[in-house]
PDB file of all heavy atoms in Angstrom:
ATOM      1  N   THR A   1      -1.077  21.298 -15.188  1.00  0.00           N
ATOM      2  CA  THR A   1      -2.179  21.406 -16.140  1.00  0.00           C
ATOM      3  C   THR A   1      -3.511  20.944 -15.560  1.00  0.00           C
ATOM      4  O   THR A   1      -4.569  21.287 -16.099  1.00  0.00           O
ATOM      5  CB  THR A   1      -1.877  20.566 -17.402  1.00  0.00           C
ATOM      6  OG1 THR A   1      -1.645  19.204 -17.007  1.00  0.00           O
ATOM      7  CG2 THR A   1      -0.639  21.094 -18.115  1.00  0.00           C
ATOM      8  N   ASN A   2      -3.469  20.168 -14.463  1.00  0.00           N
ATOM      9  CA  ASN A   2      -4.696  19.646 -13.868  1.00  0.00           C
ATOM     10  C   ASN A   2      -5.417  20.736 -13.069  1.00  0.00           C
ATOM     11  O   ASN A   2      -4.789  21.480 -12.335  1.00  0.00           O
ATOM     12  CB  ASN A   2      -4.358  18.450 -12.959  1.00  0.00           C
ATOM     13  CG  ASN A   2      -5.589  17.818 -12.360  1.00  0.00           C
ATOM     14  OD1 ASN A   2      -6.189  18.345 -11.431  1.00  0.00           O
ATOM     15  ND2 ASN A   2      -5.972  16.672 -12.896  1.00  0.00           N
ATOM     16  N   ARG A   3      -6.739  20.820 -13.238  1.00  0.00           N
ATOM     17  CA  ARG A   3      -7.514  21.874 -12.575  1.00  0.00           C
ATOM     18  C   ARG A   3      -8.414  21.347 -11.464  1.00  0.00           C
ATOM     19  O   ARG A   3      -9.125  22.115 -10.822  1.00  0.00           O
ATOM     20  CB  ARG A   3      -8.384  22.612 -13.608  1.00  0.00           C
ATOM     21  CG  ARG A   3      -7.584  23.321 -14.706  1.00  0.00           C
ATOM     22  CD  ARG A   3      -6.801  24.501 -14.139  1.00  0.00           C
ATOM     23  NE  ARG A   3      -5.990  25.135 -15.155  1.00  0.00           N
ATOM     24  CZ  ARG A   3      -4.726  24.838 -15.403  1.00  0.00           C
ATOM     25  NH1 ARG A   3      -4.112  23.894 -14.698  1.00  0.00           N
ATOM     26  NH2 ARG A   3      -4.047  25.464 -16.339  1.00  0.00           N
ATOM     27  N   SER A   4      -8.394  20.035 -11.233  1.00  0.00           N
ATOM     28  CA  SER A   4      -9.327  19.474 -10.248  1.00  0.00           C
ATOM     29  C   SER A   4      -8.653  19.038  -8.954  1.00  0.00           C
ATOM     30  O   SER A   4      -9.284  19.021  -7.900  1.00  0.00           O
ATOM     31  CB  SER A   4     -10.073  18.279 -10.849  1.00  0.00           C
ATOM     32  OG  SER A   4      -9.168  17.253 -11.202  1.00  0.00           O
ATOM     33  N   LEU A   5      -7.358  18.669  -8.997  1.00  0.00           N
ATOM     34  CA  LEU A   5      -6.690  18.070  -7.841  1.00  0.00           C
ATOM     35  C   LEU A   5      -6.551  19.057  -6.682  1.00  0.00           C
ATOM     36  O   LEU A   5      -6.014  20.153  -6.847  1.00  0.00           O
ATOM     37  CB  LEU A   5      -5.302  17.566  -8.254  1.00  0.00           C
ATOM     38  CG  LEU A   5      -4.642  16.585  -7.285  1.00  0.00           C
ATOM     39  CD1 LEU A   5      -5.425  15.282  -7.202  1.00  0.00           C
ATOM     40  CD2 LEU A   5      -3.205  16.298  -7.714  1.00  0.00           C
ATOM     41  N   MET A   6      -7.020  18.633  -5.498  1.00  0.00           N
ATOM     42  CA  MET A   6      -6.959  19.484  -4.312  1.00  0.00           C
ATOM     43  C   MET A   6      -6.160  18.861  -3.165  1.00  0.00           C
ATOM     44  O   MET A   6      -5.700  19.579  -2.279  1.00  0.00           O
ATOM     45  CB  MET A   6      -8.374  19.823  -3.829  1.00  0.00           C
ATOM     46  CG  MET A   6      -9.159  20.691  -4.801  1.00  0.00           C
ATOM     47  SD  MET A   6     -10.733  21.264  -4.111  1.00  0.00           S
ATOM     48  CE  MET A   6     -11.647  19.730  -4.040  1.00  0.00           C
ATOM     49  N   GLU A   7      -6.010  17.523  -3.169  1.00  0.00           N
ATOM     50  CA  GLU A   7      -5.256  16.851  -2.110  1.00  0.00           C
ATOM     51  C   GLU A   7      -4.286  15.854  -2.731  1.00  0.00           C
ATOM     52  O   GLU A   7      -4.690  15.038  -3.569  1.00  0.00           O
ATOM     53  CB  GLU A   7      -6.204  16.131  -1.140  1.00  0.00           C
ATOM     54  CG  GLU A   7      -7.156  17.082  -0.429  1.00  0.00           C
ATOM     55  CD  GLU A   7      -7.959  16.405   0.678  1.00  0.00           C
ATOM     56  OE1 GLU A   7      -7.585  15.280   1.067  1.00  0.00           O
ATOM     57  OE2 GLU A   7      -8.947  17.007   1.129  1.00  0.00           O
ATOM     58  N   LEU A   8      -3.005  15.914  -2.310  1.00  0.00           N
ATOM     59  CA  LEU A   8      -1.971  15.059  -2.888  1.00  0.00           C
ATOM     60  C   LEU A   8      -1.048  14.546  -1.793  1.00  0.00           C
ATOM     61  O   LEU A   8      -0.494  15.322  -1.018  1.00  0.00           O
ATOM     62  CB  LEU A   8      -1.164  15.850  -3.917  1.00  0.00           C
ATOM     63  CG  LEU A   8       0.003  15.118  -4.588  1.00  0.00           C
ATOM     64  CD1 LEU A   8      -0.482  13.916  -5.386  1.00  0.00           C
ATOM     65  CD2 LEU A   8       0.781  16.077  -5.490  1.00  0.00           C
ATOM     66  N   ASP A   9      -0.896  13.219  -1.733  1.00  0.00           N
ATOM     67  CA  ASP A   9       0.003  12.594  -0.762  1.00  0.00           C
ATOM     68  C   ASP A   9       1.171  11.952  -1.505  1.00  0.00           C
ATOM     69  O   ASP A   9       1.006  10.963  -2.220  1.00  0.00           O
ATOM     70  CB  ASP A   9      -0.752  11.533   0.046  1.00  0.00           C
ATOM     71  CG  ASP A   9       0.080  11.005   1.219  1.00  0.00           C
ATOM     72  OD1 ASP A   9       1.271  11.369   1.330  1.00  0.00           O
ATOM     73  OD2 ASP A   9      -0.471  10.227   2.035  1.00  0.00           O
ATOM     74  N   LEU A  10       2.370  12.531  -1.325  1.00  0.00           N
ATOM     75  CA  LEU A  10       3.601  12.012  -1.936  1.00  0.00           C
ATOM     76  C   LEU A  10       4.569  11.512  -0.870  1.00  0.00           C
ATOM     77  O   LEU A  10       5.757  11.325  -1.148  1.00  0.00           O
ATOM     78  CB  LEU A  10       4.273  13.107  -2.777  1.00  0.00           C
ATOM     79  CG  LEU A  10       3.505  13.611  -3.994  1.00  0.00           C
ATOM     80  CD1 LEU A  10       4.255  14.746  -4.678  1.00  0.00           C
ATOM     81  CD2 LEU A  10       3.248  12.483  -4.979  1.00  0.00           C
ATOM     82  N   SER A  11       4.097  11.289   0.323  1.00  0.00           N
ATOM     83  CA  SER A  11       4.950  10.897   1.440  1.00  0.00           C
ATOM     84  C   SER A  11       5.667   9.572   1.172  1.00  0.00           C
ATOM     85  O   SER A  11       5.238   8.745   0.361  1.00  0.00           O
ATOM     86  CB  SER A  11       4.099  10.754   2.713  1.00  0.00           C
ATOM     87  OG  SER A  11       3.467  11.966   3.039  1.00  0.00           O
ATOM     88  N   VAL A  12       6.807   9.393   1.866  1.00  0.00           N
ATOM     89  CA  VAL A  12       7.587   8.149   1.838  1.00  0.00           C
ATOM     90  C   VAL A  12       8.020   7.793   0.411  1.00  0.00           C
ATOM     91  O   VAL A  12       8.015   6.642  -0.002  1.00  0.00           O
ATOM     92  CB  VAL A  12       6.827   6.965   2.484  1.00  0.00           C
ATOM     93  CG1 VAL A  12       7.810   5.873   2.924  1.00  0.00           C
ATOM     94  CG2 VAL A  12       6.027   7.405   3.708  1.00  0.00           C
ATOM     95  N   ASN A  13       8.371   8.815  -0.365  1.00  0.00           N
ATOM     96  CA  ASN A  13       9.011   8.625  -1.665  1.00  0.00           C
ATOM     97  C   ASN A  13      10.352   9.354  -1.643  1.00  0.00           C
ATOM     98  O   ASN A  13      10.498  10.375  -0.973  1.00  0.00           O
ATOM     99  CB  ASN A  13       8.131   9.192  -2.794  1.00  0.00           C
ATOM    100  CG  ASN A  13       6.913   8.335  -3.063  1.00  0.00           C
ATOM    101  OD1 ASN A  13       7.021   7.188  -3.487  1.00  0.00           O
ATOM    102  ND2 ASN A  13       5.721   8.882  -2.799  1.00  0.00           N
ATOM    103  N   LYS A  14      11.326   8.848  -2.363  1.00  0.00           N
ATOM    104  CA  LYS A  14      12.674   9.421  -2.326  1.00  0.00           C
ATOM    105  C   LYS A  14      12.788  10.615  -3.264  1.00  0.00           C
ATOM    106  O   LYS A  14      13.522  10.600  -4.256  1.00  0.00           O
ATOM    107  CB  LYS A  14      13.697   8.344  -2.678  1.00  0.00           C
ATOM    108  CG  LYS A  14      13.751   7.210  -1.663  1.00  0.00           C
ATOM    109  CD  LYS A  14      14.755   6.142  -2.058  1.00  0.00           C
ATOM    110  CE  LYS A  14      14.787   5.009  -1.040  1.00  0.00           C
ATOM    111  NZ  LYS A  14      15.736   3.927  -1.420  1.00  0.00           N
ATOM    112  N   LEU A  15      12.085  11.674  -2.921  1.00  0.00           N
ATOM    113  CA  LEU A  15      12.098  12.871  -3.745  1.00  0.00           C
ATOM    114  C   LEU A  15      13.361  13.697  -3.521  1.00  0.00           C
ATOM    115  O   LEU A  15      13.965  14.205  -4.467  1.00  0.00           O
ATOM    116  CB  LEU A  15      10.867  13.732  -3.458  1.00  0.00           C
ATOM    117  CG  LEU A  15       9.510  13.112  -3.815  1.00  0.00           C
ATOM    118  CD1 LEU A  15       8.388  14.042  -3.392  1.00  0.00           C
ATOM    119  CD2 LEU A  15       9.431  12.815  -5.300  1.00  0.00           C
ATOM    120  N   GLY A  16      13.757  13.837  -2.260  1.00  0.00           N
ATOM    121  CA  GLY A  16      14.906  14.680  -1.937  1.00  0.00           C
ATOM    122  C   GLY A  16      14.600  16.134  -2.265  1.00  0.00           C
ATOM    123  O   GLY A  16      13.499  16.483  -2.709  1.00  0.00           O
ATOM    124  N   ASP A  17      15.575  16.987  -2.065  1.00  0.00           N
ATOM    125  CA  ASP A  17      15.385  18.418  -2.331  1.00  0.00           C
ATOM    126  C   ASP A  17      15.077  18.692  -3.794  1.00  0.00           C
ATOM    127  O   ASP A  17      14.260  19.551  -4.121  1.00  0.00           O
ATOM    128  CB  ASP A  17      16.643  19.196  -1.925  1.00  0.00           C
ATOM    129  CG  ASP A  17      16.826  19.247  -0.410  1.00  0.00           C
ATOM    130  OD1 ASP A  17      15.828  19.050   0.313  1.00  0.00           O
ATOM    131  OD2 ASP A  17      17.958  19.475   0.045  1.00  0.00           O
ATOM    132  N   SER A  18      15.728  17.935  -4.696  1.00  0.00           N
ATOM    133  CA  SER A  18      15.520  18.170  -6.126  1.00  0.00           C
ATOM    134  C   SER A  18      14.094  17.828  -6.540  1.00  0.00           C
ATOM    135  O   SER A  18      13.478  18.545  -7.345  1.00  0.00           O
ATOM    136  CB  SER A  18      16.523  17.357  -6.948  1.00  0.00           C
ATOM    137  OG  SER A  18      16.443  15.977  -6.623  1.00  0.00           O
ATOM    138  N   GLY A  19      13.550  16.735  -5.996  1.00  0.00           N
ATOM    139  CA  GLY A  19      12.175  16.361  -6.317  1.00  0.00           C
ATOM    140  C   GLY A  19      11.167  17.336  -5.746  1.00  0.00           C
ATOM    141  O   GLY A  19      10.187  17.700  -6.403  1.00  0.00           O
ATOM    142  N   VAL A  20      11.415  17.782  -4.511  1.00  0.00           N
ATOM    143  CA  VAL A  20      10.521  18.761  -3.882  1.00  0.00           C
ATOM    144  C   VAL A  20      10.566  20.085  -4.637  1.00  0.00           C
ATOM    145  O   VAL A  20       9.554  20.791  -4.751  1.00  0.00           O
ATOM    146  CB  VAL A  20      10.887  18.957  -2.395  1.00  0.00           C
ATOM    147  CG1 VAL A  20      10.078  20.097  -1.787  1.00  0.00           C
ATOM    148  CG2 VAL A  20      10.627  17.676  -1.608  1.00  0.00           C
ATOM    149  N   LYS A  21      11.730  20.409  -5.200  1.00  0.00           N
ATOM    150  CA  LYS A  21      11.854  21.634  -5.986  1.00  0.00           C
ATOM    151  C   LYS A  21      10.943  21.582  -7.207  1.00  0.00           C
ATOM    152  O   LYS A  21      10.313  22.580  -7.580  1.00  0.00           O
ATOM    153  CB  LYS A  21      13.303  21.833  -6.429  1.00  0.00           C
ATOM    154  CG  LYS A  21      13.547  23.162  -7.137  1.00  0.00           C
ATOM    155  CD  LYS A  21      15.034  23.380  -7.402  1.00  0.00           C
ATOM    156  CE  LYS A  21      15.260  24.751  -8.045  1.00  0.00           C
ATOM    157  NZ  LYS A  21      16.711  25.018  -8.255  1.00  0.00           N
ATOM    158  N   LEU A  22      10.837  20.401  -7.806  1.00  0.00           N
ATOM    159  CA  LEU A  22       9.946  20.232  -8.953  1.00  0.00           C
ATOM    160  C   LEU A  22       8.483  20.374  -8.532  1.00  0.00           C
ATOM    161  O   LEU A  22       7.669  20.985  -9.237  1.00  0.00           O
ATOM    162  CB  LEU A  22      10.176  18.863  -9.590  1.00  0.00           C
ATOM    163  CG  LEU A  22      11.520  18.669 -10.295  1.00  0.00           C
ATOM    164  CD1 LEU A  22      11.728  17.209 -10.675  1.00  0.00           C
ATOM    165  CD2 LEU A  22      11.602  19.552 -11.533  1.00  0.00           C
ATOM    166  N   VAL A  23       8.156  19.803  -7.372  1.00  0.00           N
ATOM    167  CA  VAL A  23       6.800  19.960  -6.840  1.00  0.00           C
ATOM    168  C   VAL A  23       6.500  21.443  -6.617  1.00  0.00           C
ATOM    169  O   VAL A  23       5.412  21.937  -6.933  1.00  0.00           O
ATOM    170  CB  VAL A  23       6.634  19.177  -5.521  1.00  0.00           C
ATOM    171  CG1 VAL A  23       5.260  19.446  -4.908  1.00  0.00           C
ATOM    172  CG2 VAL A  23       6.820  17.679  -5.756  1.00  0.00           C
ATOM    173  N   SER A  24       7.489  22.144  -6.092  1.00  0.00           N
ATOM    174  CA  SER A  24       7.335  23.575  -5.819  1.00  0.00           C
ATOM    175  C   SER A  24       7.025  24.352  -7.087  1.00  0.00           C
ATOM    176  O   SER A  24       6.227  25.297  -7.084  1.00  0.00           O
ATOM    177  CB  SER A  24       8.611  24.127  -5.179  1.00  0.00           C
ATOM    178  OG  SER A  24       8.929  23.430  -3.984  1.00  0.00           O
ATOM    179  N   ALA A  25       7.654  23.954  -8.188  1.00  0.00           N
ATOM    180  CA  ALA A  25       7.423  24.648  -9.459  1.00  0.00           C
ATOM    181  C   ALA A  25       5.959  24.554  -9.873  1.00  0.00           C
ATOM    182  O   ALA A  25       5.364  25.531 -10.360  1.00  0.00           O
ATOM    183  CB  ALA A  25       8.327  24.055 -10.539  1.00  0.00           C
ATOM    184  N   ALA A  26       5.364  23.398  -9.672  1.00  0.00           N
ATOM    185  CA  ALA A  26       3.953  23.220 -10.021  1.00  0.00           C
ATOM    186  C   ALA A  26       3.052  24.044  -9.113  1.00  0.00           C
ATOM    187  O   ALA A  26       2.041  24.604  -9.547  1.00  0.00           O
ATOM    188  CB  ALA A  26       3.574  21.747  -9.933  1.00  0.00           C
ATOM    189  N   LEU A  27       3.422  24.133  -7.838  1.00  0.00           N
ATOM    190  CA  LEU A  27       2.613  24.875  -6.872  1.00  0.00           C
ATOM    191  C   LEU A  27       2.602  26.374  -7.151  1.00  0.00           C
ATOM    192  O   LEU A  27       1.709  27.092  -6.697  1.00  0.00           O
ATOM    193  CB  LEU A  27       3.129  24.614  -5.452  1.00  0.00           C
ATOM    194  CG  LEU A  27       3.011  23.169  -4.950  1.00  0.00           C
ATOM    195  CD1 LEU A  27       3.684  23.023  -3.602  1.00  0.00           C
ATOM    196  CD2 LEU A  27       1.556  22.733  -4.872  1.00  0.00           C
ATOM    197  N   ARG A  28       3.602  26.840  -7.892  1.00  0.00           N
ATOM    198  CA  ARG A  28       3.663  28.265  -8.241  1.00  0.00           C
ATOM    199  C   ARG A  28       2.609  28.644  -9.281  1.00  0.00           C
ATOM    200  O   ARG A  28       2.282  29.823  -9.431  1.00  0.00           O
ATOM    201  CB  ARG A  28       5.046  28.619  -8.781  1.00  0.00           C
ATOM    202  CG  ARG A  28       6.109  28.774  -7.720  1.00  0.00           C
ATOM    203  CD  ARG A  28       7.347  29.459  -8.281  1.00  0.00           C
ATOM    204  NE  ARG A  28       8.328  29.671  -7.236  1.00  0.00           N
ATOM    205  CZ  ARG A  28       9.265  28.781  -6.909  1.00  0.00           C
ATOM    206  NH1 ARG A  28       9.334  27.631  -7.567  1.00  0.00           N
ATOM    207  NH2 ARG A  28      10.122  29.036  -5.945  1.00  0.00           N
ATOM    208  N   ASN A  29       2.123  27.642 -10.000  1.00  0.00           N
ATOM    209  CA  ASN A  29       1.137  27.922 -11.035  1.00  0.00           C
ATOM    210  C   ASN A  29      -0.126  28.506 -10.398  1.00  0.00           C
ATOM    211  O   ASN A  29      -0.708  27.887  -9.501  1.00  0.00           O
ATOM    212  CB  ASN A  29       0.797  26.621 -11.779  1.00  0.00           C
ATOM    213  CG  ASN A  29      -0.052  26.855 -13.006  1.00  0.00           C
ATOM    214  OD1 ASN A  29      -0.995  27.644 -12.982  1.00  0.00           O
ATOM    215  ND2 ASN A  29       0.276  26.168 -14.084  1.00  0.00           N
ATOM    216  N   PRO A  30      -0.577  29.678 -10.834  1.00  0.00           N
ATOM    217  CA  PRO A  30      -1.758  30.298 -10.214  1.00  0.00           C
ATOM    218  C   PRO A  30      -3.025  29.452 -10.356  1.00  0.00           C
ATOM    219  O   PRO A  30      -3.983  29.641  -9.617  1.00  0.00           O
ATOM    220  CB  PRO A  30      -1.894  31.633 -10.971  1.00  0.00           C
ATOM    221  CG  PRO A  30      -1.070  31.478 -12.204  1.00  0.00           C
ATOM    222  CD  PRO A  30       0.019  30.525 -11.869  1.00  0.00           C
ATOM    223  N   GLU A  31      -3.025  28.505 -11.301  1.00  0.00           N
ATOM    224  CA  GLU A  31      -4.185  27.637 -11.486  1.00  0.00           C
ATOM    225  C   GLU A  31      -4.199  26.457 -10.522  1.00  0.00           C
ATOM    226  O   GLU A  31      -5.183  25.732 -10.431  1.00  0.00           O
ATOM    227  CB  GLU A  31      -4.213  27.108 -12.924  1.00  0.00           C
ATOM    228  CG  GLU A  31      -4.343  28.183 -13.983  1.00  0.00           C
ATOM    229  CD  GLU A  31      -5.659  28.932 -13.869  1.00  0.00           C
ATOM    230  OE1 GLU A  31      -6.678  28.288 -13.586  1.00  0.00           O
ATOM    231  OE2 GLU A  31      -5.663  30.160 -14.044  1.00  0.00           O
ATOM    232  N   CYS A  32      -3.073  26.249  -9.815  1.00  0.00           N
ATOM    233  CA  CYS A  32      -2.959  25.113  -8.905  1.00  0.00           C
ATOM    234  C   CYS A  32      -3.945  25.259  -7.750  1.00  0.00           C
ATOM    235  O   CYS A  32      -3.981  26.287  -7.073  1.00  0.00           O
ATOM    236  CB  CYS A  32      -1.534  25.003  -8.364  1.00  0.00           C
ATOM    237  SG  CYS A  32      -1.296  23.619  -7.237  1.00  0.00           S
ATOM    238  N   LYS A  33      -4.736  24.205  -7.514  1.00  0.00           N
ATOM    239  CA  LYS A  33      -5.791  24.263  -6.491  1.00  0.00           C
ATOM    240  C   LYS A  33      -5.472  23.400  -5.271  1.00  0.00           C
ATOM    241  O   LYS A  33      -6.355  23.132  -4.458  1.00  0.00           O
ATOM    242  CB  LYS A  33      -7.120  23.793  -7.093  1.00  0.00           C
ATOM    243  CG  LYS A  33      -7.604  24.623  -8.277  1.00  0.00           C
ATOM    244  CD  LYS A  33      -7.960  26.037  -7.849  1.00  0.00           C
ATOM    245  CE  LYS A  33      -8.686  26.792  -8.961  1.00  0.00           C
ATOM    246  NZ  LYS A  33      -7.869  27.006 -10.161  1.00  0.00           N
ATOM    247  N   ILE A  34      -4.221  22.970  -5.104  1.00  0.00           N
ATOM    248  CA  ILE A  34      -3.857  22.090  -3.998  1.00  0.00           C
ATOM    249  C   ILE A  34      -4.186  22.741  -2.651  1.00  0.00           C
ATOM    250  O   ILE A  34      -3.730  23.838  -2.348  1.00  0.00           O
ATOM    251  CB  ILE A  34      -2.358  21.728  -4.031  1.00  0.00           C
ATOM    252  CG1 ILE A  34      -2.023  20.919  -5.288  1.00  0.00           C
ATOM    253  CG2 ILE A  34      -1.957  20.948  -2.781  1.00  0.00           C
ATOM    254  CD1 ILE A  34      -2.553  19.518  -5.282  1.00  0.00           C
ATOM    255  N   GLN A  35      -4.983  22.028  -1.844  1.00  0.00           N
ATOM    256  CA  GLN A  35      -5.346  22.506  -0.508  1.00  0.00           C
ATOM    257  C   GLN A  35      -4.632  21.723   0.589  1.00  0.00           C
ATOM    258  O   GLN A  35      -4.370  22.258   1.662  1.00  0.00           O
ATOM    259  CB  GLN A  35      -6.859  22.393  -0.302  1.00  0.00           C
ATOM    260  CG  GLN A  35      -7.666  23.283  -1.216  1.00  0.00           C
ATOM    261  CD  GLN A  35      -9.161  23.132  -0.994  1.00  0.00           C
ATOM    262  OE1 GLN A  35      -9.607  22.359  -0.134  1.00  0.00           O
ATOM    263  NE2 GLN A  35      -9.954  23.853  -1.760  1.00  0.00           N
ATOM    264  N   ARG A  36      -4.332  20.454   0.305  1.00  0.00           N
ATOM    265  CA  ARG A  36      -3.661  19.602   1.292  1.00  0.00           C
ATOM    266  C   ARG A  36      -2.536  18.845   0.612  1.00  0.00           C
ATOM    267  O   ARG A  36      -2.755  18.143  -0.375  1.00  0.00           O
ATOM    268  CB  ARG A  36      -4.667  18.632   1.932  1.00  0.00           C
ATOM    269  CG  ARG A  36      -5.651  19.343   2.847  1.00  0.00           C
ATOM    270  CD  ARG A  36      -6.677  18.396   3.469  1.00  0.00           C
ATOM    271  NE  ARG A  36      -7.422  19.090   4.518  1.00  0.00           N
ATOM    272  CZ  ARG A  36      -8.469  19.878   4.292  1.00  0.00           C
ATOM    273  NH1 ARG A  36      -8.903  20.047   3.054  1.00  0.00           N
ATOM    274  NH2 ARG A  36      -9.075  20.480   5.292  1.00  0.00           N
ATOM    275  N   LEU A  37      -1.323  18.995   1.172  1.00  0.00           N
ATOM    276  CA  LEU A  37      -0.129  18.402   0.568  1.00  0.00           C
ATOM    277  C   LEU A  37       0.656  17.667   1.641  1.00  0.00           C
ATOM    278  O   LEU A  37       1.022  18.236   2.665  1.00  0.00           O
ATOM    279  CB  LEU A  37       0.727  19.504  -0.062  1.00  0.00           C
ATOM    280  CG  LEU A  37       2.056  19.077  -0.686  1.00  0.00           C
ATOM    281  CD1 LEU A  37       1.829  18.138  -1.864  1.00  0.00           C
ATOM    282  CD2 LEU A  37       2.848  20.312  -1.130  1.00  0.00           C
TER     283      LEU A  37
END
C-alpha cells in the first residue's frame, strides 16, 4: 500500500524462503516503487 518507499534493507533476518515469498508478493504490485532491495 505504500507509494513512497524506494529502498529497503531486510538483510540478516530469518525470513527463509517463506518470508521471501511474502516479500515477492508485494513486489508484484504494479504500484511498488522499490529500486534497491
